[in-house]
Protein backbone atom coordinates (compact mmCIF):
# COMPACT_ATOMS: atom_id res chain seq x y z
CA UNK A 1 -2.79 95.88 154.09
CA UNK A 2 -4.58 92.82 155.45
CA UNK A 3 -3.33 90.68 152.51
CA UNK A 4 0.22 91.99 153.02
CA UNK A 5 0.13 90.86 156.66
CA UNK A 6 -0.86 87.30 155.65
CA UNK A 7 1.77 87.27 152.89
CA UNK A 8 4.48 88.23 155.41
CA UNK A 9 3.32 85.56 157.85
CA UNK A 10 3.27 82.88 155.11
CA UNK A 11 6.75 83.91 153.95
CA UNK A 12 8.07 83.78 157.51
CA UNK A 13 6.61 80.32 158.12
CA UNK A 14 8.04 78.90 154.88
CA UNK A 15 11.44 80.47 155.67
CA UNK A 16 11.40 78.80 159.09
CA UNK A 17 10.46 75.45 157.53
CA UNK A 18 13.32 75.66 155.06
CA UNK A 19 15.75 76.73 157.81
CA UNK A 20 14.73 73.70 159.88
CA UNK A 21 15.05 71.56 156.75
CA UNK A 22 18.69 72.58 156.26
CA UNK A 23 19.56 72.05 159.94
CA UNK A 24 18.05 68.56 160.09
CA UNK A 25 20.33 65.62 159.41
CA UNK A 26 19.90 64.12 155.99
CA UNK A 27 18.95 60.47 155.92
CA UNK A 28 19.23 57.82 153.28
CA UNK A 29 19.38 54.12 152.64
CA UNK A 30 22.01 51.79 151.24
CA UNK A 31 21.45 50.89 147.59
CA UNK A 32 23.89 47.97 147.74
CA UNK A 33 26.25 46.13 150.04
CA UNK A 34 29.46 48.12 150.50
CA UNK A 35 32.40 48.53 152.84
CA UNK A 36 32.52 51.53 155.14
CA UNK A 37 35.97 53.11 155.29
CA UNK A 38 37.91 55.17 157.83
CA UNK A 39 38.70 57.82 155.20
CA UNK A 40 37.13 58.72 151.83
CA UNK A 41 39.56 56.60 149.78
CA UNK A 42 39.11 53.21 148.11
CA UNK A 43 42.25 51.88 149.82
CA UNK A 44 41.42 53.22 153.31
CA UNK A 45 40.96 50.88 156.29
CA UNK A 46 37.53 49.22 156.43
CA UNK A 47 35.58 50.22 159.55
CA UNK A 48 32.44 48.21 158.91
CA UNK A 49 29.96 47.21 156.29
CA UNK A 50 26.75 48.52 154.84
CA UNK A 51 24.01 46.16 153.71
CA UNK A 52 21.45 46.95 151.06
CA UNK A 53 18.45 48.67 152.64
CA UNK A 54 20.29 49.82 155.79
CA UNK A 55 19.16 53.23 157.04
CA UNK A 56 21.93 55.79 157.31
CA UNK A 57 22.39 59.30 158.57
CA UNK A 58 24.49 61.36 156.16
CA UNK A 59 27.03 63.32 158.17
CA UNK A 60 29.13 64.95 155.46
CA UNK A 61 30.21 64.76 151.84
CA UNK A 62 33.67 64.92 150.31
CA UNK A 63 34.02 64.54 146.55
CA UNK A 64 32.37 61.28 145.50
CA UNK A 65 32.16 59.99 149.11
CA UNK A 66 29.60 60.31 151.89
CA UNK A 67 30.36 59.96 155.56
CA UNK A 68 27.46 58.03 157.03
CA UNK A 69 26.40 56.76 160.42
CA UNK A 70 24.53 53.49 160.89
CA UNK A 71 23.24 51.88 164.08
CA UNK A 72 26.59 50.09 164.41
CA UNK A 73 29.32 52.40 163.10
CA UNK A 74 30.38 55.50 161.20
CA UNK A 75 32.42 55.54 158.00
CA UNK A 76 32.82 56.68 154.42
CA UNK A 77 31.05 55.05 151.45
CA UNK A 78 30.87 55.83 147.76
CA UNK A 79 28.16 58.35 146.95
CA UNK A 80 26.46 55.93 144.55
CA UNK A 81 26.03 53.37 147.34
CA UNK A 82 23.47 55.56 149.12
CA UNK A 83 20.05 56.77 148.06
CA UNK A 84 19.40 60.07 149.71
CA UNK A 85 16.02 59.86 151.34
CA UNK A 86 15.47 63.50 152.26
CA UNK A 87 15.82 64.62 155.83
CA UNK A 88 14.43 63.59 159.15
CA UNK A 89 11.75 66.30 158.84
CA UNK A 90 8.30 65.68 157.41
CA UNK A 91 7.86 63.46 154.36
CA UNK A 92 5.75 66.15 152.73
CA UNK A 93 8.55 68.73 152.82
CA UNK A 94 11.18 66.28 151.57
CA UNK A 95 8.79 65.17 148.83
CA UNK A 96 8.38 68.76 147.62
CA UNK A 97 12.14 69.25 147.67
CA UNK A 98 12.69 65.99 145.76
CA UNK A 99 10.16 67.10 143.17
CA UNK A 100 11.87 70.49 142.81
CA UNK A 101 15.28 68.85 142.40
CA UNK A 102 14.03 66.42 139.76
CA UNK A 103 14.75 63.38 141.94
CA UNK A 104 11.20 62.34 142.75
CA UNK A 105 9.64 59.20 141.43
CA UNK A 106 12.21 57.06 139.70
CA UNK A 107 14.73 56.30 142.43
CA UNK A 108 17.32 56.16 139.64
CA UNK A 109 20.57 58.08 139.42
CA UNK A 110 19.89 61.27 137.50
CA UNK A 111 23.42 62.59 137.09
CA UNK A 112 26.94 61.36 136.69
CA UNK A 113 29.40 60.78 139.49
CA UNK A 114 31.54 63.62 138.23
CA UNK A 115 28.72 66.06 138.64
CA UNK A 116 27.40 64.60 141.88
CA UNK A 117 30.92 64.51 143.27
CA UNK A 118 31.44 68.27 143.10
CA UNK A 119 29.81 70.55 145.60
CA UNK A 120 29.09 74.25 145.23
CA UNK A 121 32.28 75.33 147.02
CA UNK A 122 34.46 73.11 144.80
CA UNK A 123 32.82 74.50 141.67
CA UNK A 124 33.30 78.08 142.89
CA UNK A 125 36.95 77.37 143.71
CA UNK A 126 37.65 75.97 140.22
CA UNK A 127 40.27 77.96 138.31
CA UNK A 128 40.97 78.30 134.60
CA UNK A 129 44.11 76.39 133.65
CA UNK A 130 45.46 77.66 130.34
CA UNK A 131 48.23 75.05 130.25
CA UNK A 132 45.67 72.20 130.42
CA UNK A 133 43.56 73.80 127.68
CA UNK A 134 46.63 74.12 125.44
CA UNK A 135 47.50 70.48 126.16
CA UNK A 136 43.99 69.37 125.15
CA UNK A 137 44.12 71.52 122.03
CA UNK A 138 47.44 69.92 121.08
CA UNK A 139 45.58 66.62 120.55
CA UNK A 140 43.33 68.19 117.90
CA UNK A 141 43.62 66.71 114.40
CA UNK A 142 42.62 68.23 111.11
CA UNK A 143 39.99 66.57 108.94
CA UNK A 144 42.75 65.47 106.55
CA UNK A 145 44.74 63.86 109.41
CA UNK A 146 41.56 62.05 110.46
CA UNK A 147 40.99 60.72 106.97
CA UNK A 148 44.60 59.48 106.74
CA UNK A 149 44.25 57.72 110.10
CA UNK A 150 40.99 56.09 108.99
CA UNK A 151 42.52 55.01 105.70
CA UNK A 152 45.48 53.33 107.44
CA UNK A 153 43.06 51.37 109.61
CA UNK A 154 40.88 50.38 106.64
CA UNK A 155 37.92 52.26 108.14
CA UNK A 156 35.02 53.04 105.83
CA UNK A 157 33.02 56.25 105.63
CA UNK A 158 29.36 55.96 106.58
CA UNK A 159 27.26 58.93 105.43
CA UNK A 160 24.66 60.40 107.76
CA UNK A 161 22.22 62.31 105.55
CA UNK A 162 20.74 64.25 108.47
CA UNK A 163 24.16 65.71 109.40
CA UNK A 164 25.70 68.40 107.28
CA UNK A 165 29.47 68.97 106.99
CA UNK A 166 30.99 71.85 108.91
CA UNK A 167 31.71 74.95 106.86
CA UNK A 168 34.93 74.66 104.91
CA UNK A 169 35.30 70.86 105.33
CA UNK A 170 35.12 68.42 102.48
CA UNK A 171 33.02 65.33 102.95
C-alpha cells in the first residue's frame, strides 16, 4: 500500500509537469534569414524579417508555416526556417521530450516538409479519394510498355544481381 501511494504521487507529479509543458509557449530560433509574412502564403505581404539566430515564440502552425513572435513583430515564416527549441519550461524536460521524439543531438531536419507540414487533425480529416487513385493507376505501364519506351530512347538494361524479377515478369 505504501508503494502504491508513492506511485500515485509520482504519476500525479509527472502528469502535472506534462500539462504545464503543453500549456507553455513553444520557443525556437531562426535557422536562416527569412521574411515574416502577414499570412501563411509565399506571396503574402511582408511584415518584417527574421535573422539567423533570432529567438522566436511559436504561436501557431498552419500547414508548412509557423506563426512566430519576435521582439519586434509577429508574422508567418516557413516551418523549415525555425528550429524548435522546446518550450519555455525547464531545459531538462524539453531535453527528455526531444530525446523521445528523436530530435535530440543533431539539430538537423529529421523529416520532410510534407510530413512536418501536416498536423494530427489534418491527418485525421484526410479522406480516401477513389477518383485520384484511379487517376494514378491510369499512369501505370506494363513491363512490355516500359521496355518499348526504353528501346525508343536507346536506354540500356543494367542488371542488378541482388534484385530478383517480380513473379511473372521476364527480365
